[in-house]
Amino acid sequence: MEERPFIHDMEIVAQLEKDMRYISGIVKQKGRELLNDYNITPPQFIALQWLFDEGDMTIGELSTKMYLAFSTTTDLIDRMEKNELVKRVKDLHDRRVVRVHLLEKGHSIIDEVIKKRQRYLGEMLLHFSPEELVKFKDHLMKLHREMKIE
């Protein structure tokens, strides 16, 4: 018989879920405010982030990562290409495959926005001790590992 894992105090779990939901909303709102300085939409920013972090991708791969329909992602890439943020390039190994490549302008925008987001987060963490910051980072990394979809 399979042993059931220990179930945590559900009040604490409920409070953690609520706090993470609120924090996520605040981060998302702050991110949108930062995008006002740039000529990109939140979905374009998300696409740029994926390309920045993962490198060139097909539109299908990007669609999957962003949980968007292929046609929606194609329209998104069309607009981003027009704004010189990305370009479509033929795969070196298979000429039938087209990949989306992050251009310098897109790279610069994502780099600037991420740095501004990091500065904002740094300001929010000023009242944490160095030890608290390390523990907080370690706990978030552990949670992230547990939540990763294989």
N, C-alpha and C. Protein backbone atom coordinates (compact mmCIF):
# COMPACT_ATOMS: atom_id res chain seq x y z
N MET A 1 0.84 -1.19 0.00
CA MET A 1 0.00 0.00 0.00
C MET A 1 0.88 1.25 0.00
N GLU A 2 0.54 2.19 -0.86
CA GLU A 2 1.34 3.41 -1.00
C GLU A 2 1.13 4.31 0.20
N GLU A 3 2.24 4.85 0.73
CA GLU A 3 2.16 5.73 1.89
C GLU A 3 1.78 7.14 1.42
N ARG A 4 0.82 7.75 2.10
CA ARG A 4 0.41 9.10 1.74
C ARG A 4 1.39 10.12 2.30
N PRO A 5 1.70 11.14 1.52
CA PRO A 5 2.63 12.17 2.02
C PRO A 5 1.95 12.98 3.13
N PHE A 6 2.79 13.57 3.96
CA PHE A 6 2.31 14.43 5.03
C PHE A 6 1.57 15.63 4.43
N ILE A 7 0.39 15.91 4.91
CA ILE A 7 -0.38 17.07 4.46
C ILE A 7 -0.13 18.22 5.44
N HIS A 8 0.30 19.35 4.89
CA HIS A 8 0.59 20.51 5.72
C HIS A 8 -0.70 21.15 6.24
N ASP A 9 -0.54 22.01 7.21
CA ASP A 9 -1.66 22.79 7.76
C ASP A 9 -2.29 23.57 6.61
N MET A 10 -3.54 23.26 6.28
CA MET A 10 -4.19 23.87 5.12
C MET A 10 -4.42 25.37 5.28
N GLU A 11 -4.48 25.88 6.50
CA GLU A 11 -4.60 27.33 6.69
C GLU A 11 -3.33 28.03 6.20
N ILE A 12 -2.18 27.43 6.51
CA ILE A 12 -0.91 28.00 6.07
C ILE A 12 -0.80 27.90 4.55
N VAL A 13 -1.17 26.76 3.99
CA VAL A 13 -1.13 26.57 2.55
C VAL A 13 -2.04 27.59 1.87
N ALA A 14 -3.24 27.80 2.43
CA ALA A 14 -4.18 28.77 1.86
C ALA A 14 -3.60 30.18 1.90
N GLN A 15 -2.94 30.54 3.00
CA GLN A 15 -2.34 31.87 3.11
C GLN A 15 -1.18 32.02 2.13
N LEU A 16 -0.37 30.97 1.98
CA LEU A 16 0.73 31.02 1.01
C LEU A 16 0.20 31.21 -0.40
N GLU A 17 -0.86 30.47 -0.75
CA GLU A 17 -1.45 30.60 -2.08
C GLU A 17 -1.95 32.01 -2.31
N LYS A 18 -2.62 32.56 -1.31
CA LYS A 18 -3.15 33.92 -1.43
C LYS A 18 -2.02 34.95 -1.58
N ASP A 19 -0.99 34.83 -0.74
CA ASP A 19 0.13 35.76 -0.82
C ASP A 19 0.84 35.66 -2.18
N MET A 20 1.05 34.44 -2.66
CA MET A 20 1.72 34.27 -3.96
C MET A 20 0.86 34.83 -5.08
N ARG A 21 -0.45 34.66 -4.99
CA ARG A 21 -1.35 35.21 -6.01
C ARG A 21 -1.28 36.73 -6.01
N TYR A 22 -1.31 37.35 -4.82
CA TYR A 22 -1.23 38.80 -4.73
C TYR A 22 0.12 39.31 -5.22
N ILE A 23 1.21 38.65 -4.82
CA ILE A 23 2.55 39.06 -5.25
C ILE A 23 2.65 38.95 -6.77
N SER A 24 2.15 37.86 -7.33
CA SER A 24 2.17 37.67 -8.78
C SER A 24 1.42 38.80 -9.48
N GLY A 25 0.28 39.19 -8.95
CA GLY A 25 -0.50 40.28 -9.53
C GLY A 25 0.24 41.61 -9.49
N ILE A 26 0.91 41.87 -8.37
CA ILE A 26 1.67 43.11 -8.22
C ILE A 26 2.85 43.13 -9.20
N VAL A 27 3.56 42.01 -9.30
CA VAL A 27 4.70 41.92 -10.22
C VAL A 27 4.22 42.12 -11.65
N LYS A 28 3.10 41.48 -11.99
CA LYS A 28 2.55 41.62 -13.35
C LYS A 28 2.16 43.07 -13.63
N GLN A 29 1.51 43.73 -12.67
CA GLN A 29 1.10 45.12 -12.85
C GLN A 29 2.32 46.04 -12.98
N LYS A 30 3.31 45.83 -12.13
CA LYS A 30 4.53 46.64 -12.20
C LYS A 30 5.23 46.43 -13.54
N GLY A 31 5.25 45.18 -14.00
CA GLY A 31 5.85 44.88 -15.30
C GLY A 31 5.14 45.60 -16.42
N ARG A 32 3.81 45.65 -16.36
CA ARG A 32 3.04 46.36 -17.39
C ARG A 32 3.33 47.85 -17.37
N GLU A 33 3.48 48.41 -16.17
CA GLU A 33 3.83 49.83 -16.05
C GLU A 33 5.19 50.11 -16.70
N LEU A 34 6.14 49.22 -16.48
CA LEU A 34 7.47 49.40 -17.07
C LEU A 34 7.41 49.33 -18.60
N LEU A 35 6.49 48.50 -19.13
CA LEU A 35 6.38 48.37 -20.59
C LEU A 35 5.85 49.62 -21.26
N ASN A 36 5.22 50.50 -20.48
CA ASN A 36 4.70 51.75 -21.05
C ASN A 36 5.81 52.60 -21.67
N ASP A 37 7.05 52.40 -21.21
CA ASP A 37 8.18 53.16 -21.74
C ASP A 37 8.67 52.60 -23.09
N TYR A 38 8.12 51.45 -23.48
CA TYR A 38 8.56 50.76 -24.70
C TYR A 38 7.35 50.53 -25.59
N ASN A 39 7.59 50.31 -26.84
CA ASN A 39 6.50 50.11 -27.79
C ASN A 39 6.21 48.62 -27.97
N ILE A 40 5.96 47.92 -26.82
CA ILE A 40 5.64 46.50 -26.89
C ILE A 40 4.48 46.18 -25.95
N THR A 41 3.77 45.13 -26.28
CA THR A 41 2.64 44.68 -25.48
C THR A 41 3.12 43.61 -24.49
N PRO A 42 2.33 43.33 -23.45
CA PRO A 42 2.72 42.25 -22.52
C PRO A 42 2.96 40.90 -23.21
N PRO A 43 2.12 40.46 -24.17
CA PRO A 43 2.43 39.19 -24.84
C PRO A 43 3.75 39.25 -25.63
N GLN A 44 4.06 40.40 -26.22
CA GLN A 44 5.33 40.54 -26.93
C GLN A 44 6.49 40.44 -25.94
N PHE A 45 6.32 41.04 -24.77
CA PHE A 45 7.35 40.96 -23.74
C PHE A 45 7.59 39.51 -23.32
N ILE A 46 6.50 38.76 -23.15
CA ILE A 46 6.62 37.35 -22.76
C ILE A 46 7.37 36.57 -23.85
N ALA A 47 7.04 36.83 -25.10
CA ALA A 47 7.73 36.17 -26.21
C ALA A 47 9.22 36.53 -26.20
N LEU A 48 9.52 37.81 -26.00
CA LEU A 48 10.92 38.25 -25.94
C LEU A 48 11.66 37.55 -24.80
N GLN A 49 10.98 37.41 -23.65
CA GLN A 49 11.60 36.74 -22.51
C GLN A 49 11.97 35.30 -22.86
N TRP A 50 11.04 34.58 -23.48
CA TRP A 50 11.32 33.19 -23.85
C TRP A 50 12.51 33.12 -24.81
N LEU A 51 12.55 34.00 -25.79
CA LEU A 51 13.64 34.00 -26.76
C LEU A 51 14.96 34.40 -26.10
N PHE A 52 14.90 35.34 -25.19
CA PHE A 52 16.07 35.80 -24.45
C PHE A 52 16.64 34.66 -23.61
N ASP A 53 15.75 33.92 -22.93
CA ASP A 53 16.17 32.85 -22.02
C ASP A 53 16.54 31.55 -22.74
N GLU A 54 15.80 31.21 -23.80
CA GLU A 54 15.94 29.89 -24.42
C GLU A 54 16.65 29.92 -25.77
N GLY A 55 16.77 31.10 -26.39
CA GLY A 55 17.37 31.17 -27.72
C GLY A 55 16.31 30.99 -28.80
N ASP A 56 16.77 30.85 -30.04
CA ASP A 56 15.86 30.74 -31.19
C ASP A 56 14.88 29.57 -31.00
N MET A 57 13.63 29.81 -31.44
CA MET A 57 12.57 28.80 -31.35
C MET A 57 11.72 28.86 -32.59
N THR A 58 11.04 27.76 -32.86
CA THR A 58 10.03 27.78 -33.92
C THR A 58 8.79 28.46 -33.36
N ILE A 59 7.90 28.89 -34.24
CA ILE A 59 6.65 29.50 -33.77
C ILE A 59 5.84 28.48 -32.97
N GLY A 60 5.88 27.22 -33.38
CA GLY A 60 5.18 26.16 -32.64
C GLY A 60 5.71 26.01 -31.22
N GLU A 61 7.04 26.03 -31.07
CA GLU A 61 7.64 25.94 -29.73
C GLU A 61 7.24 27.13 -28.87
N LEU A 62 7.28 28.31 -29.47
CA LEU A 62 6.91 29.53 -28.74
C LEU A 62 5.43 29.50 -28.37
N SER A 63 4.58 29.03 -29.27
CA SER A 63 3.14 28.90 -28.99
C SER A 63 2.92 28.02 -27.77
N THR A 64 3.62 26.90 -27.72
CA THR A 64 3.49 25.97 -26.60
C THR A 64 3.94 26.62 -25.30
N LYS A 65 5.08 27.29 -25.32
CA LYS A 65 5.61 27.94 -24.11
C LYS A 65 4.65 29.02 -23.60
N MET A 66 4.00 29.74 -24.54
CA MET A 66 3.15 30.86 -24.15
C MET A 66 1.68 30.46 -23.97
N TYR A 67 1.37 29.20 -24.24
CA TYR A 67 -0.01 28.72 -24.15
C TYR A 67 -0.94 29.53 -25.06
N LEU A 68 -0.46 29.77 -26.28
CA LEU A 68 -1.25 30.50 -27.27
C LEU A 68 -1.47 29.63 -28.50
N ALA A 69 -2.52 29.92 -29.25
CA ALA A 69 -2.75 29.24 -30.52
C ALA A 69 -1.63 29.61 -31.49
N PHE A 70 -1.31 28.69 -32.38
CA PHE A 70 -0.27 28.91 -33.38
C PHE A 70 -0.54 30.18 -34.18
N SER A 71 -1.80 30.37 -34.60
CA SER A 71 -2.16 31.55 -35.41
C SER A 71 -1.96 32.85 -34.62
N THR A 72 -2.27 32.82 -33.33
CA THR A 72 -2.09 34.00 -32.48
C THR A 72 -0.60 34.34 -32.36
N THR A 73 0.21 33.30 -32.19
CA THR A 73 1.66 33.52 -32.07
C THR A 73 2.23 34.02 -33.39
N THR A 74 1.73 33.51 -34.50
CA THR A 74 2.18 33.97 -35.82
C THR A 74 1.90 35.46 -35.97
N ASP A 75 0.69 35.91 -35.60
CA ASP A 75 0.35 37.34 -35.67
C ASP A 75 1.26 38.16 -34.76
N LEU A 76 1.54 37.63 -33.58
CA LEU A 76 2.41 38.30 -32.62
C LEU A 76 3.81 38.48 -33.21
N ILE A 77 4.33 37.42 -33.82
CA ILE A 77 5.67 37.47 -34.41
C ILE A 77 5.69 38.42 -35.62
N ASP A 78 4.60 38.44 -36.41
CA ASP A 78 4.51 39.38 -37.54
C ASP A 78 4.69 40.81 -37.05
N ARG A 79 3.98 41.19 -35.98
CA ARG A 79 4.07 42.56 -35.45
C ARG A 79 5.47 42.83 -34.87
N MET A 80 6.04 41.84 -34.19
CA MET A 80 7.37 42.00 -33.61
C MET A 80 8.44 42.12 -34.70
N GLU A 81 8.25 41.40 -35.79
CA GLU A 81 9.19 41.48 -36.91
C GLU A 81 9.11 42.86 -37.56
N LYS A 82 7.88 43.37 -37.69
CA LYS A 82 7.68 44.70 -38.27
C LYS A 82 8.37 45.78 -37.41
N ASN A 83 8.41 45.57 -36.09
CA ASN A 83 9.05 46.52 -35.17
C ASN A 83 10.53 46.22 -34.96
N GLU A 84 11.07 45.29 -35.75
CA GLU A 84 12.49 44.93 -35.73
C GLU A 84 12.97 44.41 -34.38
N LEU A 85 12.09 43.66 -33.70
CA LEU A 85 12.45 43.03 -32.42
C LEU A 85 12.97 41.62 -32.66
N VAL A 86 12.42 40.96 -33.68
CA VAL A 86 12.79 39.58 -34.02
C VAL A 86 12.84 39.45 -35.55
N LYS A 87 13.41 38.34 -35.99
CA LYS A 87 13.32 38.02 -37.42
C LYS A 87 13.20 36.50 -37.55
N ARG A 88 12.58 36.10 -38.64
CA ARG A 88 12.46 34.68 -38.95
C ARG A 88 13.73 34.27 -39.71
N VAL A 89 14.29 33.14 -39.31
CA VAL A 89 15.49 32.63 -39.99
C VAL A 89 15.30 31.14 -40.28
N LYS A 90 15.84 30.69 -41.40
CA LYS A 90 15.78 29.28 -41.76
C LYS A 90 16.73 28.50 -40.85
N ASP A 91 16.28 27.34 -40.39
CA ASP A 91 17.11 26.46 -39.58
C ASP A 91 18.31 26.00 -40.40
N LEU A 92 19.48 25.99 -39.81
CA LEU A 92 20.71 25.60 -40.53
C LEU A 92 20.70 24.12 -40.93
N HIS A 93 20.03 23.29 -40.13
CA HIS A 93 20.04 21.84 -40.36
C HIS A 93 18.85 21.36 -41.20
N ASP A 94 17.77 22.14 -41.21
CA ASP A 94 16.57 21.74 -41.96
C ASP A 94 15.93 23.00 -42.52
N ARG A 95 16.13 23.26 -43.80
CA ARG A 95 15.67 24.50 -44.43
C ARG A 95 14.15 24.66 -44.40
N ARG A 96 13.42 23.57 -44.14
CA ARG A 96 11.94 23.66 -44.05
C ARG A 96 11.51 24.30 -42.74
N VAL A 97 12.39 24.28 -41.73
CA VAL A 97 12.07 24.80 -40.40
C VAL A 97 12.47 26.26 -40.31
N VAL A 98 11.54 27.08 -39.80
CA VAL A 98 11.81 28.51 -39.61
C VAL A 98 11.84 28.79 -38.11
N ARG A 99 12.86 29.48 -37.69
CA ARG A 99 13.01 29.83 -36.27
C ARG A 99 12.87 31.33 -36.09
N VAL A 100 12.43 31.70 -34.90
CA VAL A 100 12.31 33.12 -34.54
C VAL A 100 13.60 33.49 -33.80
N HIS A 101 14.26 34.52 -34.29
CA HIS A 101 15.55 34.96 -33.74
C HIS A 101 15.39 36.35 -33.12
N LEU A 102 15.88 36.52 -31.92
CA LEU A 102 15.84 37.80 -31.21
C LEU A 102 16.88 38.75 -31.80
N LEU A 103 16.43 39.92 -32.24
CA LEU A 103 17.34 40.94 -32.78
C LEU A 103 17.86 41.84 -31.66
N GLU A 104 18.85 42.64 -31.96
CA GLU A 104 19.50 43.50 -30.97
C GLU A 104 18.49 44.41 -30.26
N LYS A 105 17.57 45.02 -31.03
CA LYS A 105 16.57 45.91 -30.42
C LYS A 105 15.72 45.15 -29.40
N GLY A 106 15.28 43.94 -29.75
CA GLY A 106 14.50 43.11 -28.81
C GLY A 106 15.31 42.72 -27.61
N HIS A 107 16.58 42.38 -27.85
CA HIS A 107 17.48 42.00 -26.76
C HIS A 107 17.67 43.16 -25.79
N SER A 108 17.87 44.36 -26.34
CA SER A 108 18.08 45.55 -25.50
C SER A 108 16.85 45.84 -24.65
N ILE A 109 15.66 45.76 -25.26
CA ILE A 109 14.43 46.04 -24.51
C ILE A 109 14.27 45.06 -23.37
N ILE A 110 14.42 43.78 -23.65
CA ILE A 110 14.22 42.78 -22.60
C ILE A 110 15.25 42.95 -21.50
N ASP A 111 16.48 43.25 -21.86
CA ASP A 111 17.54 43.45 -20.88
C ASP A 111 17.23 44.65 -19.98
N GLU A 112 16.80 45.75 -20.59
CA GLU A 112 16.48 46.96 -19.82
C GLU A 112 15.29 46.72 -18.88
N VAL A 113 14.25 46.09 -19.39
CA VAL A 113 13.04 45.86 -18.58
C VAL A 113 13.36 44.92 -17.42
N ILE A 114 14.12 43.87 -17.68
CA ILE A 114 14.47 42.92 -16.61
C ILE A 114 15.29 43.63 -15.54
N LYS A 115 16.23 44.48 -15.95
CA LYS A 115 17.04 45.21 -14.97
C LYS A 115 16.17 46.15 -14.13
N LYS A 116 15.19 46.81 -14.76
CA LYS A 116 14.27 47.68 -14.01
C LYS A 116 13.43 46.86 -13.04
N ARG A 117 12.98 45.68 -13.46
CA ARG A 117 12.20 44.81 -12.57
C ARG A 117 13.06 44.35 -11.39
N GLN A 118 14.33 44.05 -11.66
CA GLN A 118 15.23 43.62 -10.59
C GLN A 118 15.48 44.75 -9.60
N ARG A 119 15.62 45.98 -10.10
CA ARG A 119 15.80 47.13 -9.21
C ARG A 119 14.57 47.32 -8.32
N TYR A 120 13.39 47.19 -8.91
CA TYR A 120 12.14 47.30 -8.16
C TYR A 120 12.09 46.23 -7.06
N LEU A 121 12.39 44.99 -7.43
CA LEU A 121 12.37 43.91 -6.44
C LEU A 121 13.40 44.17 -5.35
N GLY A 122 14.57 44.64 -5.74
CA GLY A 122 15.61 44.98 -4.76
C GLY A 122 15.12 45.99 -3.75
N GLU A 123 14.39 46.99 -4.22
CA GLU A 123 13.82 48.00 -3.32
C GLU A 123 12.81 47.38 -2.36
N MET A 124 12.03 46.41 -2.85
CA MET A 124 11.02 45.76 -2.01
C MET A 124 11.66 44.84 -0.97
N LEU A 125 12.91 44.44 -1.21
CA LEU A 125 13.59 43.51 -0.31
C LEU A 125 14.58 44.21 0.64
N LEU A 126 14.55 45.54 0.68
CA LEU A 126 15.51 46.29 1.50
C LEU A 126 15.43 45.94 2.99
N HIS A 127 14.27 45.55 3.46
CA HIS A 127 14.12 45.27 4.90
C HIS A 127 14.39 43.81 5.24
N PHE A 128 14.89 43.04 4.29
CA PHE A 128 15.30 41.66 4.54
C PHE A 128 16.79 41.67 4.89
N SER A 129 17.17 40.87 5.86
CA SER A 129 18.60 40.72 6.16
C SER A 129 19.24 39.86 5.07
N PRO A 130 20.57 39.91 4.95
CA PRO A 130 21.23 39.04 3.97
C PRO A 130 20.88 37.55 4.19
N GLU A 131 20.79 37.14 5.45
CA GLU A 131 20.45 35.75 5.76
C GLU A 131 19.02 35.42 5.32
N GLU A 132 18.09 36.35 5.56
CA GLU A 132 16.70 36.14 5.14
C GLU A 132 16.60 36.04 3.62
N LEU A 133 17.37 36.89 2.93
CA LEU A 133 17.36 36.86 1.46
C LEU A 133 17.83 35.51 0.93
N VAL A 134 18.91 34.98 1.50
CA VAL A 134 19.44 33.69 1.05
C VAL A 134 18.41 32.58 1.31
N LYS A 135 17.81 32.58 2.51
CA LYS A 135 16.80 31.56 2.83
C LYS A 135 15.59 31.69 1.91
N PHE A 136 15.15 32.92 1.67
CA PHE A 136 14.01 33.17 0.80
C PHE A 136 14.28 32.65 -0.61
N LYS A 137 15.47 32.98 -1.14
CA LYS A 137 15.88 32.51 -2.46
C LYS A 137 15.90 30.99 -2.51
N ASP A 138 16.49 30.38 -1.49
CA ASP A 138 16.58 28.92 -1.45
C ASP A 138 15.20 28.27 -1.41
N HIS A 139 14.29 28.84 -0.63
CA HIS A 139 12.93 28.29 -0.54
C HIS A 139 12.17 28.45 -1.86
N LEU A 140 12.34 29.61 -2.50
CA LEU A 140 11.68 29.82 -3.80
C LEU A 140 12.24 28.86 -4.85
N MET A 141 13.55 28.66 -4.84
CA MET A 141 14.16 27.72 -5.79
C MET A 141 13.64 26.30 -5.56
N LYS A 142 13.50 25.93 -4.30
CA LYS A 142 12.99 24.59 -3.96
C LYS A 142 11.55 24.44 -4.45
N LEU A 143 10.73 25.45 -4.21
CA LEU A 143 9.34 25.41 -4.67
C LEU A 143 9.29 25.33 -6.19
N HIS A 144 10.12 26.12 -6.84
CA HIS A 144 10.17 26.12 -8.31
C HIS A 144 10.54 24.73 -8.84
N ARG A 145 11.54 24.11 -8.23
CA ARG A 145 11.93 22.75 -8.64
C ARG A 145 10.76 21.77 -8.47
N GLU A 146 10.03 21.88 -7.37
CA GLU A 146 8.90 20.99 -7.10
C GLU A 146 7.77 21.21 -8.11
N MET A 147 7.63 22.43 -8.59
CA MET A 147 6.50 22.77 -9.48
C MET A 147 6.83 22.56 -10.95
N LYS A 148 8.11 22.42 -11.29
CA LYS A 148 8.49 22.28 -12.71
C LYS A 148 7.79 21.09 -13.33
N ILE A 149 7.27 21.33 -14.51
CA ILE A 149 6.60 20.28 -15.27
C ILE A 149 7.64 19.57 -16.10
N GLU A 150 7.74 18.29 -15.93
CA GLU A 150 8.73 17.50 -16.69
C GLU A 150 8.23 17.18 -18.07
